[in-house]
Amino acid sequence: MKKLIACCGLNCETCDARKATVENNNELRKATAEKWQQMYNSPEIKPESINCTGCRENGVKFSYCSLCEIRGCVKAKGYETCSECADMATCQIVAMVHKHVPEAITNLKQLN
């Protein structure tokens, strides 16, 4: 199973937080923080918080990961990703991700 596909199906390999972490790129951290501050109306996101190795990879996680309801649900059920859950297609927890990033569903389906 591809480890760079997050629990919800997002591709961590394309995530700027992961890229900034792997490349130790402080300019990308700063740009990502500024972008996410505006996108999510979250002024508390600072460049130093932009560190993540990927949702299911060992290592540092972006601070939101500890609060992520999707990640928590997957872990509570003993799954690797939502793809293992029979309720994925009707799940309201992951629905918003799949609504805004439809390729996340495709990523999950390709894992099986």
PDB file of N, CA and C in Angstrom:
ATOM      1  N   MET A   1       0.853  -1.183   0.000  1.00  0.00           N
ATOM      2  CA  MET A   1       0.000   0.000   0.000  1.00  0.00           C
ATOM      3  C   MET A   1       0.893   1.239   0.000  1.00  0.00           C
ATOM      4  N   LYS A   2       0.621   2.152  -0.896  1.00  0.00           N
ATOM      5  CA  LYS A   2       1.413   3.379  -0.989  1.00  0.00           C
ATOM      6  C   LYS A   2       1.271   4.200   0.288  1.00  0.00           C
ATOM      7  N   LYS A   3       2.374   4.406   0.987  1.00  0.00           N
ATOM      8  CA  LYS A   3       2.350   5.111   2.263  1.00  0.00           C
ATOM      9  C   LYS A   3       2.165   6.616   2.115  1.00  0.00           C
ATOM     10  N   LEU A   4       2.353   7.158   0.936  1.00  0.00           N
ATOM     11  CA  LEU A   4       2.212   8.595   0.789  1.00  0.00           C
ATOM     12  C   LEU A   4       0.790   9.010   0.436  1.00  0.00           C
ATOM     13  N   ILE A   5      -0.119   8.062   0.433  1.00  0.00           N
ATOM     14  CA  ILE A   5      -1.543   8.387   0.335  1.00  0.00           C
ATOM     15  C   ILE A   5      -2.053   8.476   1.771  1.00  0.00           C
ATOM     16  N   ALA A   6      -2.603   9.639   2.108  1.00  0.00           N
ATOM     17  CA  ALA A   6      -3.093   9.876   3.468  1.00  0.00           C
ATOM     18  C   ALA A   6      -4.321   9.019   3.761  1.00  0.00           C
ATOM     19  N   CYS A   7      -4.710   8.978   5.013  1.00  0.00           N
ATOM     20  CA  CYS A   7      -5.893   8.221   5.425  1.00  0.00           C
ATOM     21  C   CYS A   7      -7.114   8.575   4.583  1.00  0.00           C
ATOM     22  N   CYS A   8      -7.264   9.853   4.248  1.00  0.00           N
ATOM     23  CA  CYS A   8      -8.426  10.346   3.511  1.00  0.00           C
ATOM     24  C   CYS A   8      -8.285  10.195   2.004  1.00  0.00           C
ATOM     25  N   GLY A   9      -7.076   9.903   1.535  1.00  0.00           N
ATOM     26  CA  GLY A   9      -6.842   9.753   0.110  1.00  0.00           C
ATOM     27  C   GLY A   9      -6.019  10.862  -0.515  1.00  0.00           C
ATOM     28  N   LEU A  10      -5.753  11.934   0.236  1.00  0.00           N
ATOM     29  CA  LEU A  10      -4.902  12.991  -0.301  1.00  0.00           C
ATOM     30  C   LEU A  10      -3.507  12.426  -0.564  1.00  0.00           C
ATOM     31  N   ASN A  11      -2.839  12.966  -1.561  1.00  0.00           N
ATOM     32  CA  ASN A  11      -1.505  12.509  -1.908  1.00  0.00           C
ATOM     33  C   ASN A  11      -0.473  13.361  -1.182  1.00  0.00           C
ATOM     34  N   CYS A  12       0.121  12.828  -0.143  1.00  0.00           N
ATOM     35  CA  CYS A  12       1.107  13.564   0.654  1.00  0.00           C
ATOM     36  C   CYS A  12       2.334  13.940  -0.176  1.00  0.00           C
ATOM     37  N   GLU A  13       2.612  13.173  -1.212  1.00  0.00           N
ATOM     38  CA  GLU A  13       3.777  13.448  -2.042  1.00  0.00           C
ATOM     39  C   GLU A  13       3.685  14.817  -2.708  1.00  0.00           C
ATOM     40  N   THR A  14       2.472  15.291  -2.945  1.00  0.00           N
ATOM     41  CA  THR A  14       2.282  16.584  -3.606  1.00  0.00           C
ATOM     42  C   THR A  14       2.054  17.721  -2.612  1.00  0.00           C
ATOM     43  N   CYS A  15       2.051  17.437  -1.335  1.00  0.00           N
ATOM     44  CA  CYS A  15       1.771  18.434  -0.305  1.00  0.00           C
ATOM     45  C   CYS A  15       2.990  19.321  -0.055  1.00  0.00           C
ATOM     46  N   ASP A  16       2.751  20.634  -0.047  1.00  0.00           N
ATOM     47  CA  ASP A  16       3.844  21.577   0.172  1.00  0.00           C
ATOM     48  C   ASP A  16       4.479  21.440   1.556  1.00  0.00           C
ATOM     49  N   ALA A  17       3.705  21.061   2.552  1.00  0.00           N
ATOM     50  CA  ALA A  17       4.281  20.871   3.892  1.00  0.00           C
ATOM     51  C   ALA A  17       5.283  19.722   3.883  1.00  0.00           C
ATOM     52  N   ARG A  18       4.940  18.632   3.221  1.00  0.00           N
ATOM     53  CA  ARG A  18       5.856  17.497   3.134  1.00  0.00           C
ATOM     54  C   ARG A  18       7.078  17.860   2.312  1.00  0.00           C
ATOM     55  N   LYS A  19       6.858  18.534   1.183  1.00  0.00           N
ATOM     56  CA  LYS A  19       7.987  18.952   0.342  1.00  0.00           C
ATOM     57  C   LYS A  19       8.942  19.845   1.135  1.00  0.00           C
ATOM     58  N   ALA A  20       8.393  20.808   1.864  1.00  0.00           N
ATOM     59  CA  ALA A  20       9.227  21.720   2.654  1.00  0.00           C
ATOM     60  C   ALA A  20      10.022  20.961   3.709  1.00  0.00           C
ATOM     61  N   THR A  21       9.406  19.951   4.302  1.00  0.00           N
ATOM     62  CA  THR A  21      10.070  19.154   5.327  1.00  0.00           C
ATOM     63  C   THR A  21      11.192  18.318   4.731  1.00  0.00           C
ATOM     64  N   VAL A  22      10.883  17.589   3.676  1.00  0.00           N
ATOM     65  CA  VAL A  22      11.866  16.703   3.041  1.00  0.00           C
ATOM     66  C   VAL A  22      13.042  17.499   2.482  1.00  0.00           C
ATOM     67  N   GLU A  23      12.735  18.666   1.895  1.00  0.00           N
ATOM     68  CA  GLU A  23      13.785  19.500   1.287  1.00  0.00           C
ATOM     69  C   GLU A  23      14.414  20.479   2.289  1.00  0.00           C
ATOM     70  N   ASN A  24      13.862  20.526   3.509  1.00  0.00           N
ATOM     71  CA  ASN A  24      14.278  21.509   4.519  1.00  0.00           C
ATOM     72  C   ASN A  24      14.303  22.913   3.906  1.00  0.00           C
ATOM     73  N   ASN A  25      13.180  23.259   3.284  1.00  0.00           N
ATOM     74  CA  ASN A  25      13.058  24.483   2.507  1.00  0.00           C
ATOM     75  C   ASN A  25      12.255  25.528   3.283  1.00  0.00           C
ATOM     76  N   ASN A  26      12.947  26.462   3.901  1.00  0.00           N
ATOM     77  CA  ASN A  26      12.282  27.472   4.725  1.00  0.00           C
ATOM     78  C   ASN A  26      11.458  28.463   3.908  1.00  0.00           C
ATOM     79  N   GLU A  27      11.851  28.726   2.682  1.00  0.00           N
ATOM     80  CA  GLU A  27      11.051  29.617   1.825  1.00  0.00           C
ATOM     81  C   GLU A  27       9.707  28.971   1.491  1.00  0.00           C
ATOM     82  N   LEU A  28       9.720  27.676   1.224  1.00  0.00           N
ATOM     83  CA  LEU A  28       8.468  26.963   0.948  1.00  0.00           C
ATOM     84  C   LEU A  28       7.609  26.886   2.208  1.00  0.00           C
ATOM     85  N   ARG A  29       8.238  26.729   3.374  1.00  0.00           N
ATOM     86  CA  ARG A  29       7.487  26.745   4.633  1.00  0.00           C
ATOM     87  C   ARG A  29       6.760  28.080   4.792  1.00  0.00           C
ATOM     88  N   LYS A  30       7.476  29.163   4.534  1.00  0.00           N
ATOM     89  CA  LYS A  30       6.899  30.496   4.675  1.00  0.00           C
ATOM     90  C   LYS A  30       5.749  30.698   3.683  1.00  0.00           C
ATOM     91  N   ALA A  31       5.964  30.333   2.432  1.00  0.00           N
ATOM     92  CA  ALA A  31       4.928  30.489   1.409  1.00  0.00           C
ATOM     93  C   ALA A  31       3.708  29.626   1.728  1.00  0.00           C
ATOM     94  N   THR A  32       3.938  28.423   2.204  1.00  0.00           N
ATOM     95  CA  THR A  32       2.836  27.516   2.547  1.00  0.00           C
ATOM     96  C   THR A  32       2.052  28.057   3.735  1.00  0.00           C
ATOM     97  N   ALA A  33       2.744  28.546   4.737  1.00  0.00           N
ATOM     98  CA  ALA A  33       2.062  29.117   5.909  1.00  0.00           C
ATOM     99  C   ALA A  33       1.181  30.287   5.483  1.00  0.00           C
ATOM    100  N   GLU A  34       1.717  31.168   4.655  1.00  0.00           N
ATOM    101  CA  GLU A  34       0.940  32.321   4.196  1.00  0.00           C
ATOM    102  C   GLU A  34      -0.282  31.875   3.393  1.00  0.00           C
ATOM    103  N   LYS A  35      -0.085  30.922   2.522  1.00  0.00           N
ATOM    104  CA  LYS A  35      -1.188  30.397   1.708  1.00  0.00           C
ATOM    105  C   LYS A  35      -2.270  29.759   2.580  1.00  0.00           C
ATOM    106  N   TRP A  36      -1.850  28.922   3.529  1.00  0.00           N
ATOM    107  CA  TRP A  36      -2.811  28.227   4.385  1.00  0.00           C
ATOM    108  C   TRP A  36      -3.488  29.178   5.366  1.00  0.00           C
ATOM    109  N   GLN A  37      -2.792  30.225   5.802  1.00  0.00           N
ATOM    110  CA  GLN A  37      -3.412  31.227   6.669  1.00  0.00           C
ATOM    111  C   GLN A  37      -4.631  31.822   5.968  1.00  0.00           C
ATOM    112  N   GLN A  38      -4.465  32.158   4.704  1.00  0.00           N
ATOM    113  CA  GLN A  38      -5.561  32.751   3.938  1.00  0.00           C
ATOM    114  C   GLN A  38      -6.617  31.711   3.574  1.00  0.00           C
ATOM    115  N   MET A  39      -6.187  30.558   3.076  1.00  0.00           N
ATOM    116  CA  MET A  39      -7.118  29.514   2.636  1.00  0.00           C
ATOM    117  C   MET A  39      -8.049  29.062   3.752  1.00  0.00           C
ATOM    118  N   TYR A  40      -7.475  28.884   4.936  1.00  0.00           N
ATOM    119  CA  TYR A  40      -8.228  28.315   6.055  1.00  0.00           C
ATOM    120  C   TYR A  40      -8.587  29.346   7.115  1.00  0.00           C
ATOM    121  N   ASN A  41      -8.328  30.626   6.810  1.00  0.00           N
ATOM    122  CA  ASN A  41      -8.595  31.700   7.759  1.00  0.00           C
ATOM    123  C   ASN A  41      -7.991  31.348   9.127  1.00  0.00           C
ATOM    124  N   SER A  42      -6.723  30.990   9.095  1.00  0.00           N
ATOM    125  CA  SER A  42      -6.014  30.517  10.288  1.00  0.00           C
ATOM    126  C   SER A  42      -4.696  31.264  10.456  1.00  0.00           C
ATOM    127  N   PRO A  43      -4.760  32.471  11.020  1.00  0.00           N
ATOM    128  CA  PRO A  43      -3.532  33.254  11.180  1.00  0.00           C
ATOM    129  C   PRO A  43      -2.512  32.607  12.117  1.00  0.00           C
ATOM    130  N   GLU A  44      -2.930  31.610  12.880  1.00  0.00           N
ATOM    131  CA  GLU A  44      -2.007  30.953  13.809  1.00  0.00           C
ATOM    132  C   GLU A  44      -1.024  30.011  13.110  1.00  0.00           C
ATOM    133  N   ILE A  45      -1.235  29.727  11.829  1.00  0.00           N
ATOM    134  CA  ILE A  45      -0.302  28.872  11.098  1.00  0.00           C
ATOM    135  C   ILE A  45       0.960  29.687  10.805  1.00  0.00           C
ATOM    136  N   LYS A  46       2.056  29.223  11.330  1.00  0.00           N
ATOM    137  CA  LYS A  46       3.344  29.902  11.191  1.00  0.00           C
ATOM    138  C   LYS A  46       4.297  29.021  10.378  1.00  0.00           C
ATOM    139  N   PRO A  47       5.292  29.617   9.732  1.00  0.00           N
ATOM    140  CA  PRO A  47       6.242  28.829   8.942  1.00  0.00           C
ATOM    141  C   PRO A  47       6.888  27.684   9.732  1.00  0.00           C
ATOM    142  N   GLU A  48       7.178  27.930  11.012  1.00  0.00           N
ATOM    143  CA  GLU A  48       7.822  26.873  11.813  1.00  0.00           C
ATOM    144  C   GLU A  48       6.896  25.689  12.091  1.00  0.00           C
ATOM    145  N   SER A  49       5.596  25.848  11.834  1.00  0.00           N
ATOM    146  CA  SER A  49       4.665  24.725  12.029  1.00  0.00           C
ATOM    147  C   SER A  49       4.507  23.893  10.765  1.00  0.00           C
ATOM    148  N   ILE A  50       5.117  24.333   9.669  1.00  0.00           N
ATOM    149  CA  ILE A  50       5.011  23.612   8.402  1.00  0.00           C
ATOM    150  C   ILE A  50       6.081  22.534   8.355  1.00  0.00           C
ATOM    151  N   ASN A  51       5.779  21.433   8.990  1.00  0.00           N
ATOM    152  CA  ASN A  51       6.650  20.264   9.050  1.00  0.00           C
ATOM    153  C   ASN A  51       5.783  19.019   9.041  1.00  0.00           C
ATOM    154  N   CYS A  52       5.997  18.139   8.082  1.00  0.00           N
ATOM    155  CA  CYS A  52       5.220  16.902   8.021  1.00  0.00           C
ATOM    156  C   CYS A  52       5.917  15.923   7.090  1.00  0.00           C
ATOM    157  N   THR A  53       5.998  14.680   7.510  1.00  0.00           N
ATOM    158  CA  THR A  53       6.584  13.637   6.669  1.00  0.00           C
ATOM    159  C   THR A  53       5.525  12.875   5.895  1.00  0.00           C
ATOM    160  N   GLY A  54       4.260  13.129   6.219  1.00  0.00           N
ATOM    161  CA  GLY A  54       3.148  12.430   5.570  1.00  0.00           C
ATOM    162  C   GLY A  54       2.265  11.791   6.620  1.00  0.00           C
ATOM    163  N   CYS A  55       0.992  11.730   6.344  1.00  0.00           N
ATOM    164  CA  CYS A  55      -0.018  11.267   7.299  1.00  0.00           C
ATOM    165  C   CYS A  55       0.290   9.891   7.891  1.00  0.00           C
ATOM    166  N   ARG A  56       0.748   8.982   7.046  1.00  0.00           N
ATOM    167  CA  ARG A  56       0.956   7.611   7.515  1.00  0.00           C
ATOM    168  C   ARG A  56       2.423   7.223   7.606  1.00  0.00           C
ATOM    169  N   GLU A  57       3.307   8.173   7.382  1.00  0.00           N
ATOM    170  CA  GLU A  57       4.738   7.939   7.490  1.00  0.00           C
ATOM    171  C   GLU A  57       5.192   8.184   8.932  1.00  0.00           C
ATOM    172  N   ASN A  58       6.259   7.552   9.321  1.00  0.00           N
ATOM    173  CA  ASN A  58       6.871   7.863  10.614  1.00  0.00           C
ATOM    174  C   ASN A  58       7.474   9.250  10.529  1.00  0.00           C
ATOM    175  N   GLY A  59       7.498   9.934  11.630  1.00  0.00           N
ATOM    176  CA  GLY A  59       8.128  11.243  11.672  1.00  0.00           C
ATOM    177  C   GLY A  59       7.158  12.335  12.062  1.00  0.00           C
ATOM    178  N   VAL A  60       7.622  13.557  11.926  1.00  0.00           N
ATOM    179  CA  VAL A  60       6.873  14.731  12.341  1.00  0.00           C
ATOM    180  C   VAL A  60       5.592  14.885  11.518  1.00  0.00           C
ATOM    181  N   LYS A  61       4.569  15.435  12.158  1.00  0.00           N
ATOM    182  CA  LYS A  61       3.280  15.692  11.507  1.00  0.00           C
ATOM    183  C   LYS A  61       2.929  17.163  11.658  1.00  0.00           C
ATOM    184  N   PHE A  62       2.182  17.681  10.706  1.00  0.00           N
ATOM    185  CA  PHE A  62       1.630  19.024  10.818  1.00  0.00           C
ATOM    186  C   PHE A  62       0.724  19.037  12.044  1.00  0.00           C
ATOM    187  N   SER A  63       0.683  20.122  12.760  1.00  0.00           N
ATOM    188  CA  SER A  63      -0.046  20.190  14.032  1.00  0.00           C
ATOM    189  C   SER A  63      -1.512  19.764  13.918  1.00  0.00           C
ATOM    190  N   TYR A  64      -2.157  20.015  12.806  1.00  0.00           N
ATOM    191  CA  TYR A  64      -3.564  19.653  12.644  1.00  0.00           C
ATOM    192  C   TYR A  64      -3.774  18.131  12.679  1.00  0.00           C
ATOM    193  N   CYS A  65      -2.778  17.367  12.323  1.00  0.00           N
ATOM    194  CA  CYS A  65      -2.925  15.907  12.247  1.00  0.00           C
ATOM    195  C   CYS A  65      -3.425  15.292  13.556  1.00  0.00           C
ATOM    196  N   SER A  66      -3.006  15.852  14.668  1.00  0.00           N
ATOM    197  CA  SER A  66      -3.454  15.299  15.956  1.00  0.00           C
ATOM    198  C   SER A  66      -4.933  15.558  16.193  1.00  0.00           C
ATOM    199  N   LEU A  67      -5.511  16.518  15.482  1.00  0.00           N
ATOM    200  CA  LEU A  67      -6.934  16.846  15.602  1.00  0.00           C
ATOM    201  C   LEU A  67      -7.778  16.271  14.473  1.00  0.00           C
ATOM    202  N   CYS A  68      -7.144  15.729  13.456  1.00  0.00           N
ATOM    203  CA  CYS A  68      -7.845  15.274  12.256  1.00  0.00           C
ATOM    204  C   CYS A  68      -8.828  14.152  12.580  1.00  0.00           C
ATOM    205  N   GLU A  69     -10.096  14.445  12.381  1.00  0.00           N
ATOM    206  CA  GLU A  69     -11.150  13.475  12.680  1.00  0.00           C
ATOM    207  C   GLU A  69     -11.055  12.246  11.779  1.00  0.00           C
ATOM    208  N   ILE A  70     -10.654  12.454  10.540  1.00  0.00           N
ATOM    209  CA  ILE A  70     -10.529  11.341   9.594  1.00  0.00           C
ATOM    210  C   ILE A  70      -9.425  10.399  10.054  1.00  0.00           C
ATOM    211  N   ARG A  71      -8.270  10.951  10.327  1.00  0.00           N
ATOM    212  CA  ARG A  71      -7.126  10.153  10.783  1.00  0.00           C
ATOM    213  C   ARG A  71      -7.473   9.416  12.083  1.00  0.00           C
ATOM    214  N   GLY A  72      -8.149  10.101  12.991  1.00  0.00           N
ATOM    215  CA  GLY A  72      -8.555   9.480  14.252  1.00  0.00           C
ATOM    216  C   GLY A  72      -9.510   8.316  14.042  1.00  0.00           C
ATOM    217  N   CYS A  73     -10.461   8.483  13.137  1.00  0.00           N
ATOM    218  CA  CYS A  73     -11.431   7.420  12.840  1.00  0.00           C
ATOM    219  C   CYS A  73     -10.732   6.205  12.238  1.00  0.00           C
ATOM    220  N   VAL A  74      -9.857   6.441  11.276  1.00  0.00           N
ATOM    221  CA  VAL A  74      -9.123   5.347  10.624  1.00  0.00           C
ATOM    222  C   VAL A  74      -8.310   4.575  11.659  1.00  0.00           C
ATOM    223  N   LYS A  75      -7.599   5.284  12.510  1.00  0.00           N
ATOM    224  CA  LYS A  75      -6.781   4.629  13.535  1.00  0.00           C
ATOM    225  C   LYS A  75      -7.649   3.862  14.540  1.00  0.00           C
ATOM    226  N   ALA A  76      -8.781   4.455  14.940  1.00  0.00           N
ATOM    227  CA  ALA A  76      -9.679   3.806  15.906  1.00  0.00           C
ATOM    228  C   ALA A  76     -10.236   2.494  15.358  1.00  0.00           C
ATOM    229  N   LYS A  77     -10.445   2.447  14.052  1.00  0.00           N
ATOM    230  CA  LYS A  77     -10.980   1.231  13.423  1.00  0.00           C
ATOM    231  C   LYS A  77      -9.883   0.231  13.079  1.00  0.00           C
ATOM    232  N   GLY A  78      -8.632   0.612  13.270  1.00  0.00           N
ATOM    233  CA  GLY A  78      -7.519  -0.285  12.972  1.00  0.00           C
ATOM    234  C   GLY A  78      -7.200  -0.376  11.488  1.00  0.00           C
ATOM    235  N   TYR A  79      -7.609   0.614  10.717  1.00  0.00           N
ATOM    236  CA  TYR A  79      -7.368   0.633   9.279  1.00  0.00           C
ATOM    237  C   TYR A  79      -6.107   1.431   8.968  1.00  0.00           C
ATOM    238  N   GLU A  80      -5.667   1.306   7.733  1.00  0.00           N
ATOM    239  CA  GLU A  80      -4.580   2.138   7.211  1.00  0.00           C
ATOM    240  C   GLU A  80      -5.152   3.395   6.575  1.00  0.00           C
ATOM    241  N   THR A  81      -6.251   3.237   5.821  1.00  0.00           N
ATOM    242  CA  THR A  81      -6.901   4.360   5.144  1.00  0.00           C
ATOM    243  C   THR A  81      -8.409   4.138   5.132  1.00  0.00           C
ATOM    244  N   CYS A  82      -9.124   5.138   4.676  1.00  0.00           N
ATOM    245  CA  CYS A  82     -10.581   5.040   4.528  1.00  0.00           C
ATOM    246  C   CYS A  82     -10.976   3.973   3.505  1.00  0.00           C
ATOM    247  N   SER A  83     -10.056   3.595   2.629  1.00  0.00           N
ATOM    248  CA  SER A  83     -10.368   2.606   1.589  1.00  0.00           C
ATOM    249  C   SER A  83     -10.799   1.267   2.179  1.00  0.00           C
ATOM    250  N   GLU A  84     -10.422   0.989   3.399  1.00  0.00           N
ATOM    251  CA  GLU A  84     -10.762  -0.277   4.037  1.00  0.00           C
ATOM    252  C   GLU A  84     -12.150  -0.265   4.671  1.00  0.00           C
ATOM    253  N   CYS A  85     -12.763   0.901   4.729  1.00  0.00           N
ATOM    254  CA  CYS A  85     -14.046   1.048   5.415  1.00  0.00           C
ATOM    255  C   CYS A  85     -15.212   0.870   4.437  1.00  0.00           C
ATOM    256  N   ALA A  86     -16.142   0.014   4.787  1.00  0.00           N
ATOM    257  CA  ALA A  86     -17.319  -0.243   3.950  1.00  0.00           C
ATOM    258  C   ALA A  86     -18.216   0.984   3.841  1.00  0.00           C
ATOM    259  N   ASP A  87     -18.079   1.924   4.772  1.00  0.00           N
ATOM    260  CA  ASP A  87     -18.929   3.124   4.783  1.00  0.00           C
ATOM    261  C   ASP A  87     -18.302   4.327   4.085  1.00  0.00           C
ATOM    262  N   MET A  88     -17.167   4.145   3.430  1.00  0.00           N
ATOM    263  CA  MET A  88     -16.450   5.283   2.858  1.00  0.00           C
ATOM    264  C   MET A  88     -17.323   6.125   1.923  1.00  0.00           C
ATOM    265  N   ALA A  89     -18.094   5.507   1.065  1.00  0.00           N
ATOM    266  CA  ALA A  89     -18.876   6.248   0.061  1.00  0.00           C
ATOM    267  C   ALA A  89     -19.934   7.152   0.680  1.00  0.00           C
ATOM    268  N   THR A  90     -20.394   6.821   1.874  1.00  0.00           N
ATOM    269  CA  THR A  90     -21.452   7.608   2.520  1.00  0.00           C
ATOM    270  C   THR A  90     -20.970   8.319   3.783  1.00  0.00           C
ATOM    271  N   CYS A  91     -19.696   8.221   4.070  1.00  0.00           N
ATOM    272  CA  CYS A  91     -19.137   8.787   5.292  1.00  0.00           C
ATOM    273  C   CYS A  91     -19.137  10.313   5.262  1.00  0.00           C
ATOM    274  N   GLN A  92     -19.712  10.912   6.271  1.00  0.00           N
ATOM    275  CA  GLN A  92     -19.748  12.368   6.373  1.00  0.00           C
ATOM    276  C   GLN A  92     -18.430  12.945   6.900  1.00  0.00           C
ATOM    277  N   ILE A  93     -17.643  12.124   7.551  1.00  0.00           N
ATOM    278  CA  ILE A  93     -16.371  12.596   8.095  1.00  0.00           C
ATOM    279  C   ILE A  93     -15.398  12.930   6.962  1.00  0.00           C
ATOM    280  N   VAL A  94     -15.311  12.085   5.965  1.00  0.00           N
ATOM    281  CA  VAL A  94     -14.367  12.288   4.862  1.00  0.00           C
ATOM    282  C   VAL A  94     -15.012  12.982   3.659  1.00  0.00           C
ATOM    283  N   ALA A  95     -16.296  13.207   3.707  1.00  0.00           N
ATOM    284  CA  ALA A  95     -17.036  13.756   2.561  1.00  0.00           C
ATOM    285  C   ALA A  95     -16.489  15.093   2.077  1.00  0.00           C
ATOM    286  N   MET A  96     -16.111  15.976   2.972  1.00  0.00           N
ATOM    287  CA  MET A  96     -15.644  17.305   2.566  1.00  0.00           C
ATOM    288  C   MET A  96     -14.339  17.217   1.774  1.00  0.00           C
ATOM    289  N   VAL A  97     -13.455  16.344   2.193  1.00  0.00           N
ATOM    290  CA  VAL A  97     -12.201  16.169   1.447  1.00  0.00           C
ATOM    291  C   VAL A  97     -12.529  15.673   0.046  1.00  0.00           C
ATOM    292  N   HIS A  98     -13.382  14.668  -0.028  1.00  0.00           N
ATOM    293  CA  HIS A  98     -13.699  14.074  -1.321  1.00  0.00           C
ATOM    294  C   HIS A  98     -14.495  15.022  -2.212  1.00  0.00           C
ATOM    295  N   LYS A  99     -15.257  15.919  -1.607  1.00  0.00           N
ATOM    296  CA  LYS A  99     -16.006  16.913  -2.377  1.00  0.00           C
ATOM    297  C   LYS A  99     -15.045  17.907  -3.032  1.00  0.00           C
ATOM    298  N   HIS A 100     -14.057  18.362  -2.287  1.00  0.00           N
ATOM    299  CA  HIS A 100     -13.141  19.390  -2.776  1.00  0.00           C
ATOM    300  C   HIS A 100     -11.932  18.831  -3.518  1.00  0.00           C
ATOM    301  N   VAL A 101     -11.598  17.571  -3.252  1.00  0.00           N
ATOM    302  CA  VAL A 101     -10.454  16.938  -3.918  1.00  0.00           C
ATOM    303  C   VAL A 101     -10.882  15.542  -4.388  1.00  0.00           C
ATOM    304  N   PRO A 102     -11.642  15.477  -5.487  1.00  0.00           N
ATOM    305  CA  PRO A 102     -12.169  14.189  -5.947  1.00  0.00           C
ATOM    306  C   PRO A 102     -11.106  13.132  -6.234  1.00  0.00           C
ATOM    307  N   GLU A 103      -9.885  13.564  -6.587  1.00  0.00           N
ATOM    308  CA  GLU A 103      -8.843  12.565  -6.850  1.00  0.00           C
ATOM    309  C   GLU A 103      -8.471  11.783  -5.599  1.00  0.00           C
ATOM    310  N   ALA A 104      -8.847  12.279  -4.418  1.00  0.00           N
ATOM    311  CA  ALA A 104      -8.587  11.533  -3.185  1.00  0.00           C
ATOM    312  C   ALA A 104      -9.353  10.209  -3.195  1.00  0.00           C
ATOM    313  N   ILE A 105     -10.564  10.224  -3.732  1.00  0.00           N
ATOM    314  CA  ILE A 105     -11.348   8.984  -3.833  1.00  0.00           C
ATOM    315  C   ILE A 105     -10.641   8.019  -4.776  1.00  0.00           C
ATOM    316  N   THR A 106     -10.185   8.532  -5.899  1.00  0.00           N
ATOM    317  CA  THR A 106      -9.472   7.703  -6.876  1.00  0.00           C
ATOM    318  C   THR A 106      -8.228   7.091  -6.234  1.00  0.00           C
ATOM    319  N   ASN A 107      -7.484   7.905  -5.493  1.00  0.00           N
ATOM    320  CA  ASN A 107      -6.288   7.394  -4.819  1.00  0.00           C
ATOM    321  C   ASN A 107      -6.630   6.239  -3.888  1.00  0.00           C
ATOM    322  N   LEU A 108      -7.703   6.381  -3.129  1.00  0.00           N
ATOM    323  CA  LEU A 108      -8.109   5.325  -2.188  1.00  0.00           C
ATOM    324  C   LEU A 108      -8.539   4.069  -2.927  1.00  0.00           C
ATOM    325  N   LYS A 109      -9.283   4.227  -3.995  1.00  0.00           N
ATOM    326  CA  LYS A 109      -9.742   3.050  -4.766  1.00  0.00           C
ATOM    327  C   LYS A 109      -8.568   2.297  -5.391  1.00  0.00           C
ATOM    328  N   GLN A 110      -7.525   3.023  -5.745  1.00  0.00           N
ATOM    329  CA  GLN A 110      -6.350   2.388  -6.352  1.00  0.00           C
ATOM    330  C   GLN A 110      -5.519   1.604  -5.339  1.00  0.00           C
ATOM    331  N   LEU A 111      -5.752   1.841  -4.058  1.00  0.00           N
ATOM    332  CA  LEU A 111      -5.009   1.110  -3.020  1.00  0.00           C
ATOM    333  C   LEU A 111      -5.489  -0.331  -2.886  1.00  0.00           C
ATOM    334  N   ASN A 112      -6.720  -0.581  -3.244  1.00  0.00           N
ATOM    335  CA  ASN A 112      -7.281  -1.945  -3.086  1.00  0.00           C
ATOM    336  C   ASN A 112      -7.042  -2.811  -4.287  1.00  0.00           C
TER     337      ASN A 112
END
